[in-house]
Amino acid sequence: MEHLTKGFPNVRGEASGEVANQPMHMPIVVPKPPGRLYFLFGKPIPTIGRKDELQDKCNAHNFYLQVKGEVEATMTYLLQKREEDPYRHFLPRFLYEAATRFTHQMPTFDP
């Protein structure tokens, strides 16, 4: 590896001692197999006709907390479902689809 890095510029030009003499190593990139994505659209939160109401800081903050709570609850639910999903990782999904000769897509989770 040292003979490969001799031609690279010294990135620690002003450093001295042991720090300046460290060899440069090229990073190795290993792609991660594609994961499964989890989506769930929550119930709509009505905002029409609330413009005047939300001008008040206290009301706007309470509305913000309501929206934040809904989003956090949905995300917690999806994280729990992801942990329970038997087809979460690439290999079980691939084996399921390969067993059906790629004619059937793996099942989705029930929300």
Protein backbone atom coordinates (compact mmCIF):
# COMPACT_ATOMS: atom_id res chain seq x y z
CA MET A 1 0.00 0.00 0.00
CA GLU A 2 2.86 2.35 0.75
CA HIS A 3 4.14 2.29 -2.83
CA LEU A 4 0.65 3.31 -4.03
CA THR A 5 0.45 6.36 -1.75
CA LYS A 6 3.94 7.80 -2.35
CA GLY A 7 2.74 9.86 -5.32
CA PHE A 8 -0.07 11.57 -3.40
CA PRO A 9 0.47 15.04 -1.96
CA ASN A 10 1.11 15.41 1.74
CA VAL A 11 -2.18 16.58 3.28
CA ARG A 12 -0.48 17.33 6.60
CA GLY A 13 2.06 19.80 5.21
CA GLU A 14 2.59 21.85 8.35
CA ALA A 15 2.42 18.94 10.81
CA SER A 16 5.53 17.37 12.21
CA GLY A 17 6.52 14.22 14.00
CA GLU A 18 4.48 11.02 13.92
CA VAL A 19 1.33 12.76 12.68
CA ALA A 20 3.10 14.04 9.55
CA ASN A 21 4.53 10.60 8.70
CA GLN A 22 1.26 8.65 8.62
CA PRO A 23 0.61 6.94 5.29
CA MET A 24 -2.47 7.93 3.32
CA HIS A 25 -5.05 5.17 2.92
CA MET A 26 -7.68 5.10 0.24
CA PRO A 27 -11.23 4.57 1.56
CA ILE A 28 -13.03 1.40 0.57
CA VAL A 29 -16.68 1.80 -0.33
CA VAL A 30 -18.92 -1.20 0.19
CA PRO A 31 -22.49 -0.65 -0.98
CA LYS A 32 -25.29 -1.69 1.31
CA PRO A 33 -27.97 -4.00 -0.14
CA PRO A 34 -31.21 -2.14 -0.80
CA GLY A 35 -33.46 -1.99 2.21
CA ARG A 36 -37.20 -1.96 2.43
CA LEU A 37 -38.96 1.39 2.69
CA TYR A 38 -41.89 1.91 5.04
CA PHE A 39 -44.55 4.54 4.32
CA LEU A 40 -47.74 5.36 6.13
CA PHE A 41 -49.81 8.45 5.48
CA GLY A 42 -51.56 9.67 8.59
CA LYS A 43 -54.95 11.24 8.78
CA PRO A 44 -55.15 14.75 7.30
CA ILE A 45 -54.84 17.63 9.73
CA PRO A 46 -57.23 20.42 8.70
CA THR A 47 -55.62 23.84 8.37
CA ILE A 48 -58.22 25.62 6.23
CA GLY A 49 -59.84 28.47 8.10
CA ARG A 50 -57.31 28.44 10.96
CA LYS A 51 -55.12 31.30 9.73
CA ASP A 52 -56.49 33.82 12.24
CA GLU A 53 -56.45 31.28 15.04
CA LEU A 54 -52.81 30.38 14.37
CA GLN A 55 -51.67 34.01 14.53
CA ASP A 56 -51.65 33.61 18.32
CA LYS A 57 -48.29 32.13 19.42
CA CYS A 58 -49.86 29.89 22.05
CA ASN A 59 -52.37 28.40 19.58
CA ALA A 60 -49.68 27.99 16.92
CA HIS A 61 -47.44 26.20 19.42
CA ASN A 62 -50.27 23.88 20.49
CA PHE A 63 -51.01 23.11 16.83
CA TYR A 64 -47.31 22.42 16.25
CA LEU A 65 -47.26 20.02 19.21
CA GLN A 66 -50.33 18.23 17.82
CA VAL A 67 -48.70 17.77 14.40
CA LYS A 68 -45.40 16.75 15.97
CA GLY A 69 -47.16 14.17 18.15
CA GLU A 70 -48.97 12.66 15.15
CA VAL A 71 -45.73 12.39 13.17
CA GLU A 72 -43.81 10.88 16.08
CA ALA A 73 -46.58 8.33 16.75
CA THR A 74 -46.58 7.30 13.08
CA MET A 75 -42.80 6.97 13.01
CA THR A 76 -42.80 4.91 16.22
CA TYR A 77 -45.44 2.63 14.72
CA LEU A 78 -43.43 2.18 11.51
CA LEU A 79 -40.23 1.43 13.43
CA GLN A 80 -42.08 -1.23 15.41
CA LYS A 81 -43.51 -2.74 12.22
CA ARG A 82 -40.04 -2.72 10.65
CA GLU A 83 -38.64 -4.71 13.55
CA GLU A 84 -41.44 -7.29 13.19
CA ASP A 85 -41.09 -7.56 9.39
CA PRO A 86 -39.69 -10.99 8.39
CA TYR A 87 -38.77 -9.61 4.94
CA ARG A 88 -36.91 -6.55 6.24
CA HIS A 89 -33.50 -7.70 5.02
CA PHE A 90 -32.50 -8.27 1.43
CA LEU A 91 -31.80 -12.02 1.56
CA PRO A 92 -35.24 -13.20 2.78
CA ARG A 93 -36.92 -10.94 0.21
CA PHE A 94 -34.71 -12.24 -2.58
CA LEU A 95 -35.20 -15.88 -1.57
CA TYR A 96 -38.99 -15.45 -1.43
CA GLU A 97 -39.12 -13.90 -4.86
CA ALA A 98 -36.63 -16.40 -6.30
CA ALA A 99 -38.72 -19.31 -4.96
CA THR A 100 -41.68 -17.96 -6.93
CA ARG A 101 -39.46 -17.42 -9.98
CA PHE A 102 -39.92 -13.69 -9.56
CA THR A 103 -43.60 -13.89 -10.51
CA HIS A 104 -44.81 -12.80 -7.06
CA GLN A 105 -43.69 -9.81 -5.09
CA MET A 106 -43.00 -10.27 -1.40
CA PRO A 107 -45.92 -9.51 0.89
CA THR A 108 -46.23 -6.10 2.49
CA PHE A 109 -47.01 -5.51 6.14
CA ASP A 110 -50.56 -4.86 7.29
CA PRO A 111 -50.86 -1.35 8.73
